[in-house]
Amino acid sequence: MGVAVVLARREEVIASLLTAPRWTPVFGDREPDRPAVYLNPARVLNGQAVNQIFQEDTGTRYLYPESHLLRQDVREALRPIESDDGTYQEACNRFEFLASMMALDMGPESFARPWAGEFLIESNWGYTSGLAITVEQELTPAWPLLQGGAFGGDPQRATDAYKTLVEWRAKHPRWS
């Protein structure tokens, strides 16, 4: 749904997609989690197992197997919305970036991690041009995610989440 929302240019909807409904874990901390945290592909899928399946099928190992699998599995369902594969990949990158910012903003510190995704690859991230700089330039009170209620509607919280994501990526260069 998140990628479809990005493709439809209705990013304000991402705020509700990734903040409700809440889920209370059965074990451990009984504090309810939000989708930006509990739907993180790295928490839902086992990357090593996914890579093993890819390796057996195609001989390929991926840096972000969870991301690659989801992109591949959702592609045909979203083809009627977006036929261009490049545009589809850009929408996937953008959704992973935005979901990561939201997860870092709302998750308990022990689970506050970005979504391990192909958006982290240098060619997608881009420091002088590309996704990271585009999102940074959009961080204004009129940004659709803020208008939808993400980051509590607070531009400073959004900026802080952006900076946290940038710092996290810098500290984890093997992911890029």
N, C-alpha and C. Protein backbone atom coordinates (compact mmCIF):
# COMPACT_ATOMS: atom_id res chain seq x y z
N MET A 1 0.83 -1.20 0.00
CA MET A 1 0.00 0.00 0.00
C MET A 1 0.87 1.26 0.00
N GLY A 2 1.98 1.20 0.74
CA GLY A 2 2.85 2.37 0.81
C GLY A 2 3.42 2.77 -0.54
N VAL A 3 3.84 1.81 -1.32
CA VAL A 3 4.40 2.09 -2.64
C VAL A 3 3.30 2.64 -3.55
N ALA A 4 2.10 2.07 -3.47
CA ALA A 4 0.97 2.56 -4.27
C ALA A 4 0.64 4.00 -3.92
N VAL A 5 0.71 4.33 -2.65
CA VAL A 5 0.43 5.70 -2.20
C VAL A 5 1.48 6.66 -2.74
N VAL A 6 2.74 6.25 -2.74
CA VAL A 6 3.80 7.09 -3.30
C VAL A 6 3.54 7.29 -4.80
N LEU A 7 3.22 6.22 -5.49
CA LEU A 7 2.96 6.33 -6.93
C LEU A 7 1.76 7.23 -7.22
N ALA A 8 0.77 7.21 -6.36
CA ALA A 8 -0.43 8.03 -6.54
C ALA A 8 -0.23 9.48 -6.08
N ARG A 9 0.96 9.77 -5.56
CA ARG A 9 1.28 11.11 -5.04
C ARG A 9 0.30 11.51 -3.93
N ARG A 10 0.04 10.57 -3.04
CA ARG A 10 -0.86 10.80 -1.89
C ARG A 10 -0.12 10.43 -0.60
N GLU A 11 1.09 10.94 -0.46
CA GLU A 11 1.95 10.53 0.64
C GLU A 11 1.40 10.86 2.02
N GLU A 12 0.43 11.77 2.10
CA GLU A 12 -0.16 12.04 3.41
C GLU A 12 -0.81 10.79 4.00
N VAL A 13 -1.21 9.86 3.13
CA VAL A 13 -1.84 8.61 3.58
C VAL A 13 -0.83 7.72 4.31
N ILE A 14 0.45 7.86 3.99
CA ILE A 14 1.48 7.05 4.65
C ILE A 14 1.44 7.25 6.16
N ALA A 15 1.11 8.47 6.58
CA ALA A 15 1.07 8.74 8.02
C ALA A 15 0.14 7.77 8.74
N SER A 16 -1.07 7.58 8.22
CA SER A 16 -1.99 6.66 8.89
C SER A 16 -1.61 5.20 8.66
N LEU A 17 -1.08 4.87 7.48
CA LEU A 17 -0.66 3.50 7.21
C LEU A 17 0.40 3.03 8.20
N LEU A 18 1.30 3.93 8.58
CA LEU A 18 2.42 3.53 9.43
C LEU A 18 2.28 3.91 10.89
N THR A 19 1.11 4.44 11.27
CA THR A 19 0.90 4.75 12.69
C THR A 19 -0.27 3.97 13.29
N ALA A 20 -1.12 3.40 12.47
CA ALA A 20 -2.26 2.63 12.97
C ALA A 20 -2.43 1.42 12.08
N PRO A 21 -2.87 0.31 12.53
CA PRO A 21 -3.25 0.03 13.92
C PRO A 21 -2.04 -0.31 14.76
N ARG A 22 -2.22 -0.22 16.04
CA ARG A 22 -1.14 -0.59 16.96
C ARG A 22 -1.24 -2.07 17.29
N TRP A 23 -0.08 -2.65 17.59
CA TRP A 23 -0.01 -4.06 17.91
C TRP A 23 0.75 -4.22 19.22
N THR A 24 0.20 -5.00 20.11
CA THR A 24 0.85 -5.26 21.39
C THR A 24 1.55 -6.61 21.33
N PRO A 25 2.87 -6.62 21.51
CA PRO A 25 3.61 -7.88 21.48
C PRO A 25 3.14 -8.83 22.59
N VAL A 26 3.20 -10.11 22.31
CA VAL A 26 2.79 -11.12 23.28
C VAL A 26 3.85 -11.25 24.38
N PHE A 27 5.12 -11.15 23.99
CA PHE A 27 6.22 -11.31 24.94
C PHE A 27 6.98 -10.00 25.06
N GLY A 28 7.74 -9.89 26.15
CA GLY A 28 8.61 -8.74 26.34
C GLY A 28 7.83 -7.48 26.66
N ASP A 29 8.28 -6.39 26.08
CA ASP A 29 7.66 -5.09 26.32
C ASP A 29 6.22 -5.11 25.83
N ARG A 30 5.30 -4.81 26.68
CA ARG A 30 3.88 -4.85 26.34
C ARG A 30 3.37 -3.51 25.81
N GLU A 31 4.28 -2.61 25.53
CA GLU A 31 3.91 -1.31 24.95
C GLU A 31 3.50 -1.52 23.50
N PRO A 32 2.35 -1.01 23.09
CA PRO A 32 1.91 -1.19 21.70
C PRO A 32 2.89 -0.56 20.70
N ASP A 33 3.17 -1.30 19.64
CA ASP A 33 4.02 -0.83 18.55
C ASP A 33 3.16 -0.32 17.41
N ARG A 34 3.77 0.50 16.57
CA ARG A 34 3.10 1.01 15.37
C ARG A 34 3.65 0.31 14.14
N PRO A 35 2.89 0.31 13.05
CA PRO A 35 3.32 -0.40 11.84
C PRO A 35 4.70 -0.01 11.32
N ALA A 36 5.11 1.24 11.47
CA ALA A 36 6.43 1.65 11.00
C ALA A 36 7.53 0.85 11.70
N VAL A 37 7.23 0.37 12.90
CA VAL A 37 8.19 -0.43 13.67
C VAL A 37 7.95 -1.91 13.43
N TYR A 38 6.72 -2.38 13.64
CA TYR A 38 6.50 -3.83 13.59
C TYR A 38 6.42 -4.41 12.18
N LEU A 39 6.26 -3.59 11.16
CA LEU A 39 6.27 -4.09 9.78
C LEU A 39 7.63 -3.95 9.10
N ASN A 40 8.64 -3.51 9.84
CA ASN A 40 9.98 -3.41 9.27
C ASN A 40 10.34 -4.77 8.69
N PRO A 41 10.61 -4.85 7.39
CA PRO A 41 10.90 -6.14 6.76
C PRO A 41 12.00 -6.95 7.46
N ALA A 42 12.96 -6.29 8.07
CA ALA A 42 14.02 -7.00 8.78
C ALA A 42 13.50 -7.69 10.04
N ARG A 43 12.37 -7.22 10.57
CA ARG A 43 11.75 -7.87 11.73
C ARG A 43 10.79 -8.97 11.30
N VAL A 44 10.28 -8.89 10.08
CA VAL A 44 9.25 -9.82 9.62
C VAL A 44 9.86 -10.99 8.83
N LEU A 45 10.90 -10.72 8.07
CA LEU A 45 11.52 -11.73 7.21
C LEU A 45 12.95 -12.03 7.67
N ASN A 46 13.37 -13.24 7.46
CA ASN A 46 14.73 -13.64 7.77
C ASN A 46 15.57 -13.45 6.51
N GLY A 47 16.42 -12.42 6.53
CA GLY A 47 17.22 -12.09 5.35
C GLY A 47 18.11 -13.22 4.88
N GLN A 48 18.69 -13.98 5.81
CA GLN A 48 19.55 -15.10 5.41
C GLN A 48 18.74 -16.17 4.70
N ALA A 49 17.56 -16.46 5.21
CA ALA A 49 16.71 -17.47 4.57
C ALA A 49 16.25 -17.00 3.19
N VAL A 50 15.89 -15.74 3.07
CA VAL A 50 15.46 -15.19 1.78
C VAL A 50 16.62 -15.26 0.80
N ASN A 51 17.81 -14.90 1.23
CA ASN A 51 18.98 -14.95 0.35
C ASN A 51 19.29 -16.39 -0.07
N GLN A 52 19.08 -17.32 0.82
CA GLN A 52 19.32 -18.73 0.49
C GLN A 52 18.37 -19.17 -0.63
N ILE A 53 17.12 -18.74 -0.55
CA ILE A 53 16.14 -19.07 -1.60
C ILE A 53 16.59 -18.45 -2.93
N PHE A 54 16.98 -17.17 -2.91
CA PHE A 54 17.46 -16.52 -4.14
C PHE A 54 18.68 -17.24 -4.69
N GLN A 55 19.60 -17.59 -3.79
CA GLN A 55 20.84 -18.24 -4.24
C GLN A 55 20.55 -19.59 -4.88
N GLU A 56 19.62 -20.35 -4.30
CA GLU A 56 19.27 -21.65 -4.87
C GLU A 56 18.56 -21.49 -6.22
N ASP A 57 17.70 -20.46 -6.33
CA ASP A 57 16.94 -20.25 -7.56
C ASP A 57 17.77 -19.62 -8.68
N THR A 58 18.54 -18.58 -8.34
CA THR A 58 19.21 -17.80 -9.38
C THR A 58 20.72 -17.71 -9.21
N GLY A 59 21.24 -18.15 -8.07
CA GLY A 59 22.66 -18.03 -7.80
C GLY A 59 23.07 -16.65 -7.33
N THR A 60 22.09 -15.79 -7.04
CA THR A 60 22.35 -14.42 -6.65
C THR A 60 22.10 -14.23 -5.15
N ARG A 61 23.00 -13.46 -4.52
CA ARG A 61 22.80 -13.03 -3.14
C ARG A 61 22.60 -11.52 -3.16
N TYR A 62 21.66 -11.03 -2.36
CA TYR A 62 21.35 -9.61 -2.33
C TYR A 62 21.79 -8.99 -1.02
N LEU A 63 22.19 -7.73 -1.09
CA LEU A 63 22.58 -6.98 0.09
C LEU A 63 21.37 -6.76 1.00
N TYR A 64 20.22 -6.53 0.41
CA TYR A 64 18.97 -6.31 1.14
C TYR A 64 17.93 -7.30 0.63
N PRO A 65 18.05 -8.56 1.00
CA PRO A 65 17.16 -9.57 0.41
C PRO A 65 15.69 -9.36 0.73
N GLU A 66 15.38 -8.85 1.93
CA GLU A 66 13.99 -8.62 2.29
C GLU A 66 13.37 -7.58 1.35
N SER A 67 14.08 -6.51 1.12
CA SER A 67 13.63 -5.44 0.24
C SER A 67 13.46 -5.96 -1.18
N HIS A 68 14.45 -6.70 -1.65
CA HIS A 68 14.39 -7.21 -3.02
C HIS A 68 13.20 -8.15 -3.21
N LEU A 69 12.98 -9.04 -2.24
CA LEU A 69 11.86 -9.97 -2.32
C LEU A 69 10.52 -9.24 -2.37
N LEU A 70 10.34 -8.29 -1.48
CA LEU A 70 9.07 -7.55 -1.46
C LEU A 70 8.84 -6.78 -2.75
N ARG A 71 9.88 -6.13 -3.24
CA ARG A 71 9.76 -5.39 -4.50
C ARG A 71 9.37 -6.33 -5.64
N GLN A 72 10.01 -7.47 -5.68
CA GLN A 72 9.76 -8.44 -6.73
C GLN A 72 8.33 -9.00 -6.62
N ASP A 73 7.91 -9.34 -5.41
CA ASP A 73 6.59 -9.96 -5.23
C ASP A 73 5.43 -8.99 -5.46
N VAL A 74 5.65 -7.71 -5.19
CA VAL A 74 4.58 -6.72 -5.34
C VAL A 74 4.54 -6.13 -6.75
N ARG A 75 5.59 -6.30 -7.51
CA ARG A 75 5.70 -5.63 -8.81
C ARG A 75 4.50 -5.85 -9.72
N GLU A 76 4.11 -7.09 -9.94
CA GLU A 76 3.02 -7.35 -10.89
C GLU A 76 1.69 -6.79 -10.41
N ALA A 77 1.45 -6.79 -9.11
CA ALA A 77 0.21 -6.23 -8.58
C ALA A 77 0.13 -4.72 -8.83
N LEU A 78 1.28 -4.04 -8.86
CA LEU A 78 1.28 -2.59 -9.07
C LEU A 78 1.57 -2.18 -10.51
N ARG A 79 1.79 -3.14 -11.39
CA ARG A 79 2.06 -2.80 -12.79
C ARG A 79 0.93 -1.99 -13.43
N PRO A 80 -0.36 -2.29 -13.14
CA PRO A 80 -1.43 -1.47 -13.73
C PRO A 80 -1.38 -0.01 -13.26
N ILE A 81 -0.82 0.23 -12.08
CA ILE A 81 -0.70 1.60 -11.57
C ILE A 81 0.51 2.29 -12.17
N GLU A 82 1.63 1.53 -12.31
CA GLU A 82 2.86 2.09 -12.87
C GLU A 82 3.56 1.03 -13.72
N SER A 83 3.56 1.26 -15.03
CA SER A 83 4.15 0.27 -15.94
C SER A 83 5.67 0.38 -16.05
N ASP A 84 6.23 1.57 -15.75
CA ASP A 84 7.66 1.78 -15.89
C ASP A 84 8.41 1.21 -14.68
N ASP A 85 9.32 0.27 -14.93
CA ASP A 85 10.05 -0.38 -13.84
C ASP A 85 10.93 0.60 -13.06
N GLY A 86 11.53 1.54 -13.74
CA GLY A 86 12.38 2.52 -13.06
C GLY A 86 11.59 3.38 -12.09
N THR A 87 10.43 3.84 -12.53
CA THR A 87 9.57 4.66 -11.68
C THR A 87 9.08 3.83 -10.49
N TYR A 88 8.77 2.57 -10.74
CA TYR A 88 8.35 1.68 -9.66
C TYR A 88 9.47 1.54 -8.62
N GLN A 89 10.71 1.32 -9.07
CA GLN A 89 11.83 1.18 -8.14
C GLN A 89 12.06 2.46 -7.34
N GLU A 90 11.91 3.61 -7.99
CA GLU A 90 12.05 4.89 -7.29
C GLU A 90 10.98 5.03 -6.21
N ALA A 91 9.76 4.60 -6.50
CA ALA A 91 8.68 4.66 -5.51
C ALA A 91 8.98 3.73 -4.33
N CYS A 92 9.52 2.56 -4.61
CA CYS A 92 9.92 1.63 -3.54
C CYS A 92 11.00 2.27 -2.66
N ASN A 93 12.00 2.87 -3.31
CA ASN A 93 13.07 3.54 -2.56
C ASN A 93 12.50 4.63 -1.67
N ARG A 94 11.61 5.43 -2.23
CA ARG A 94 11.04 6.54 -1.47
C ARG A 94 10.21 6.04 -0.30
N PHE A 95 9.40 5.02 -0.52
CA PHE A 95 8.60 4.50 0.58
C PHE A 95 9.49 3.95 1.69
N GLU A 96 10.54 3.19 1.34
CA GLU A 96 11.45 2.67 2.36
C GLU A 96 12.13 3.80 3.12
N PHE A 97 12.50 4.86 2.43
CA PHE A 97 13.14 6.01 3.08
C PHE A 97 12.17 6.64 4.07
N LEU A 98 10.94 6.92 3.63
CA LEU A 98 9.95 7.56 4.50
C LEU A 98 9.57 6.66 5.67
N ALA A 99 9.39 5.37 5.41
CA ALA A 99 9.07 4.43 6.48
C ALA A 99 10.20 4.38 7.50
N SER A 100 11.43 4.45 7.03
CA SER A 100 12.59 4.45 7.93
C SER A 100 12.60 5.68 8.81
N MET A 101 12.32 6.83 8.23
CA MET A 101 12.26 8.05 9.03
C MET A 101 11.19 7.92 10.10
N MET A 102 10.03 7.41 9.73
CA MET A 102 8.95 7.28 10.70
C MET A 102 9.29 6.26 11.79
N ALA A 103 9.93 5.15 11.42
CA ALA A 103 10.32 4.15 12.40
C ALA A 103 11.32 4.74 13.40
N LEU A 104 12.26 5.50 12.91
CA LEU A 104 13.25 6.11 13.79
C LEU A 104 12.61 7.15 14.70
N ASP A 105 11.56 7.78 14.25
CA ASP A 105 10.87 8.79 15.05
C ASP A 105 10.02 8.16 16.15
N MET A 106 9.38 7.05 15.88
CA MET A 106 8.38 6.54 16.82
C MET A 106 8.73 5.26 17.53
N GLY A 107 9.72 4.57 17.06
CA GLY A 107 9.99 3.27 17.64
C GLY A 107 10.68 3.37 18.98
N PRO A 108 10.44 2.37 19.84
CA PRO A 108 11.24 2.32 21.06
C PRO A 108 12.70 2.17 20.66
N GLU A 109 13.59 2.72 21.44
CA GLU A 109 14.99 2.77 21.03
C GLU A 109 15.55 1.41 20.62
N SER A 110 15.14 0.35 21.29
CA SER A 110 15.67 -0.96 20.95
C SER A 110 15.23 -1.45 19.57
N PHE A 111 14.10 -0.93 19.07
CA PHE A 111 13.61 -1.34 17.76
C PHE A 111 13.64 -0.21 16.74
N ALA A 112 14.13 0.95 17.12
CA ALA A 112 14.15 2.10 16.23
C ALA A 112 15.27 1.94 15.22
N ARG A 113 14.95 1.24 14.15
CA ARG A 113 15.92 0.99 13.09
C ARG A 113 15.26 1.31 11.75
N PRO A 114 16.08 1.76 10.80
CA PRO A 114 15.52 1.97 9.47
C PRO A 114 15.12 0.65 8.84
N TRP A 115 14.28 0.73 7.85
CA TRP A 115 13.91 -0.45 7.08
C TRP A 115 15.11 -0.79 6.21
N ALA A 116 15.66 -1.97 6.37
CA ALA A 116 16.83 -2.38 5.59
C ALA A 116 16.39 -2.55 4.14
N GLY A 117 16.71 -1.57 3.34
CA GLY A 117 16.21 -1.60 1.98
C GLY A 117 17.19 -1.11 0.95
N GLU A 118 16.85 -1.36 -0.29
CA GLU A 118 17.70 -0.97 -1.40
C GLU A 118 17.82 0.54 -1.54
N PHE A 119 17.00 1.29 -0.85
CA PHE A 119 17.12 2.76 -0.86
C PHE A 119 18.45 3.19 -0.25
N LEU A 120 19.07 2.35 0.57
CA LEU A 120 20.35 2.68 1.23
C LEU A 120 21.54 2.58 0.29
N ILE A 121 21.39 1.93 -0.84
CA ILE A 121 22.48 1.80 -1.80
C ILE A 121 22.83 3.18 -2.36
N GLU A 122 24.11 3.45 -2.45
CA GLU A 122 24.58 4.79 -2.82
C GLU A 122 23.90 5.35 -4.07
N SER A 123 23.73 4.53 -5.09
CA SER A 123 23.13 5.03 -6.33
C SER A 123 21.68 5.46 -6.13
N ASN A 124 21.01 4.93 -5.14
CA ASN A 124 19.63 5.34 -4.83
C ASN A 124 19.59 6.49 -3.83
N TRP A 125 20.50 6.46 -2.88
CA TRP A 125 20.52 7.44 -1.79
C TRP A 125 20.89 8.82 -2.30
N GLY A 126 22.09 8.96 -2.82
CA GLY A 126 22.56 10.23 -3.37
C GLY A 126 22.71 11.31 -2.33
N TYR A 127 23.90 11.86 -2.19
CA TYR A 127 24.13 12.94 -1.23
C TYR A 127 24.04 14.32 -1.88
N THR A 128 24.45 14.44 -3.13
CA THR A 128 24.40 15.74 -3.80
C THR A 128 23.18 15.87 -4.68
N SER A 129 22.67 14.74 -5.13
CA SER A 129 21.39 14.71 -5.83
C SER A 129 20.82 13.32 -5.59
N GLY A 130 19.54 13.20 -5.65
CA GLY A 130 18.92 11.91 -5.40
C GLY A 130 17.93 11.96 -4.26
N LEU A 131 17.57 10.81 -3.78
CA LEU A 131 16.49 10.68 -2.81
C LEU A 131 16.73 11.44 -1.51
N ALA A 132 17.90 11.29 -0.91
CA ALA A 132 18.17 11.93 0.39
C ALA A 132 18.06 13.45 0.29
N ILE A 133 18.64 14.03 -0.73
CA ILE A 133 18.59 15.49 -0.87
C ILE A 133 17.18 15.96 -1.22
N THR A 134 16.46 15.17 -2.00
CA THR A 134 15.08 15.52 -2.34
C THR A 134 14.21 15.57 -1.10
N VAL A 135 14.29 14.54 -0.27
CA VAL A 135 13.49 14.52 0.95
C VAL A 135 13.88 15.66 1.88
N GLU A 136 15.18 15.92 2.01
CA GLU A 136 15.62 17.01 2.86
C GLU A 136 15.01 18.34 2.42
N GLN A 137 14.95 18.58 1.12
CA GLN A 137 14.40 19.83 0.60
C GLN A 137 12.89 19.92 0.80
N GLU A 138 12.22 18.78 0.94
CA GLU A 138 10.77 18.76 1.12
C GLU A 138 10.33 19.02 2.56
N LEU A 139 11.26 18.97 3.51
CA LEU A 139 10.91 19.06 4.92
C LEU A 139 10.46 20.47 5.31
N THR A 140 9.24 20.76 4.96
CA THR A 140 8.61 22.05 5.30
C THR A 140 7.26 21.73 5.96
N PRO A 141 6.63 22.70 6.58
CA PRO A 141 5.32 22.45 7.18
C PRO A 141 4.27 21.97 6.16
N ALA A 142 4.47 22.24 4.87
CA ALA A 142 3.51 21.82 3.84
C ALA A 142 3.76 20.40 3.34
N TRP A 143 4.80 19.74 3.84
CA TRP A 143 5.13 18.38 3.39
C TRP A 143 3.94 17.47 3.64
N PRO A 144 3.52 16.69 2.64
CA PRO A 144 2.33 15.84 2.79
C PRO A 144 2.36 14.90 4.00
N LEU A 145 3.51 14.35 4.34
CA LEU A 145 3.57 13.47 5.51
C LEU A 145 3.21 14.24 6.78
N LEU A 146 3.71 15.45 6.91
CA LEU A 146 3.37 16.27 8.07
C LEU A 146 1.89 16.63 8.06
N GLN A 147 1.37 16.95 6.87
CA GLN A 147 -0.05 17.28 6.75
C GLN A 147 -0.93 16.10 7.12
N GLY A 148 -0.42 14.87 6.89
CA GLY A 148 -1.16 13.66 7.22
C GLY A 148 -1.04 13.26 8.69
N GLY A 149 -0.18 13.96 9.44
CA GLY A 149 -0.04 13.68 10.87
C GLY A 149 1.21 12.93 11.27
N ALA A 150 2.05 12.58 10.31
CA ALA A 150 3.32 11.92 10.67
C ALA A 150 4.17 12.88 11.47
N PHE A 151 5.00 12.34 12.33
CA PHE A 151 5.90 13.14 13.17
C PHE A 151 5.11 14.11 14.05
N GLY A 152 3.87 13.74 14.35
CA GLY A 152 3.02 14.61 15.15
C GLY A 152 2.75 15.95 14.48
N GLY A 153 2.96 16.00 13.15
CA GLY A 153 2.77 17.25 12.41
C GLY A 153 3.87 18.26 12.67
N ASP A 154 4.93 17.85 13.35
CA ASP A 154 6.00 18.75 13.76
C ASP A 154 7.18 18.69 12.79
N PRO A 155 7.45 19.78 12.05
CA PRO A 155 8.57 19.78 11.10
C PRO A 155 9.92 19.49 11.75
N GLN A 156 10.10 19.91 13.01
CA GLN A 156 11.37 19.65 13.68
C GLN A 156 11.56 18.16 13.95
N ARG A 157 10.50 17.47 14.33
CA ARG A 157 10.60 16.02 14.53
C ARG A 157 10.94 15.32 13.22
N ALA A 158 10.35 15.78 12.12
CA ALA A 158 10.66 15.20 10.81
C ALA A 158 12.12 15.45 10.46
N THR A 159 12.60 16.65 10.69
CA THR A 159 14.00 16.98 10.43
C THR A 159 14.93 16.15 11.30
N ASP A 160 14.56 15.97 12.57
CA ASP A 160 15.37 15.15 13.47
C ASP A 160 15.42 13.70 12.99
N ALA A 161 14.28 13.17 12.54
CA ALA A 161 14.24 11.80 12.03
C ALA A 161 15.10 11.67 10.78
N TYR A 162 15.05 12.67 9.92
CA TYR A 162 15.89 12.68 8.71
C TYR A 162 17.37 12.64 9.10
N LYS A 163 17.76 13.52 10.03
CA LYS A 163 19.15 13.57 10.47
C LYS A 163 19.58 12.26 11.11
N THR A 164 18.69 11.65 11.89
CA THR A 164 18.99 10.37 12.53
C THR A 164 19.22 9.30 11.47
N LEU A 165 18.41 9.29 10.42
CA LEU A 165 18.58 8.33 9.34
C LEU A 165 19.91 8.55 8.62
N VAL A 166 20.24 9.79 8.33
CA VAL A 166 21.50 10.11 7.66
C VAL A 166 22.68 9.67 8.54
N GLU A 167 22.60 9.96 9.84
CA GLU A 167 23.67 9.58 10.76
C GLU A 167 23.76 8.06 10.87
N TRP A 168 22.63 7.38 10.93
CA TRP A 168 22.62 5.93 11.03
C TRP A 168 23.32 5.32 9.82
N ARG A 169 22.97 5.82 8.64
CA ARG A 169 23.59 5.29 7.41
C ARG A 169 25.09 5.52 7.40
N ALA A 170 25.52 6.68 7.87
CA ALA A 170 26.95 6.99 7.92
C ALA A 170 27.69 6.05 8.88
N LYS A 171 27.03 5.63 9.95
CA LYS A 171 27.64 4.72 10.92
C LYS A 171 27.61 3.27 10.47
N HIS A 172 26.82 2.97 9.47
CA HIS A 172 26.66 1.59 8.98
C HIS A 172 26.99 1.53 7.49
N PRO A 173 28.25 1.81 7.13
CA PRO A 173 28.59 1.89 5.70
C PRO A 173 28.47 0.56 4.96
N ARG A 174 28.53 -0.56 5.65
CA ARG A 174 28.40 -1.84 4.95
C ARG A 174 27.03 -1.98 4.33
N TRP A 175 26.08 -1.20 4.79
CA TRP A 175 24.72 -1.26 4.27
C TRP A 175 24.57 -0.44 3.00
N SER A 176 25.55 0.37 2.67
CA SER A 176 25.39 1.27 1.51
C SER A 176 26.03 0.73 0.27
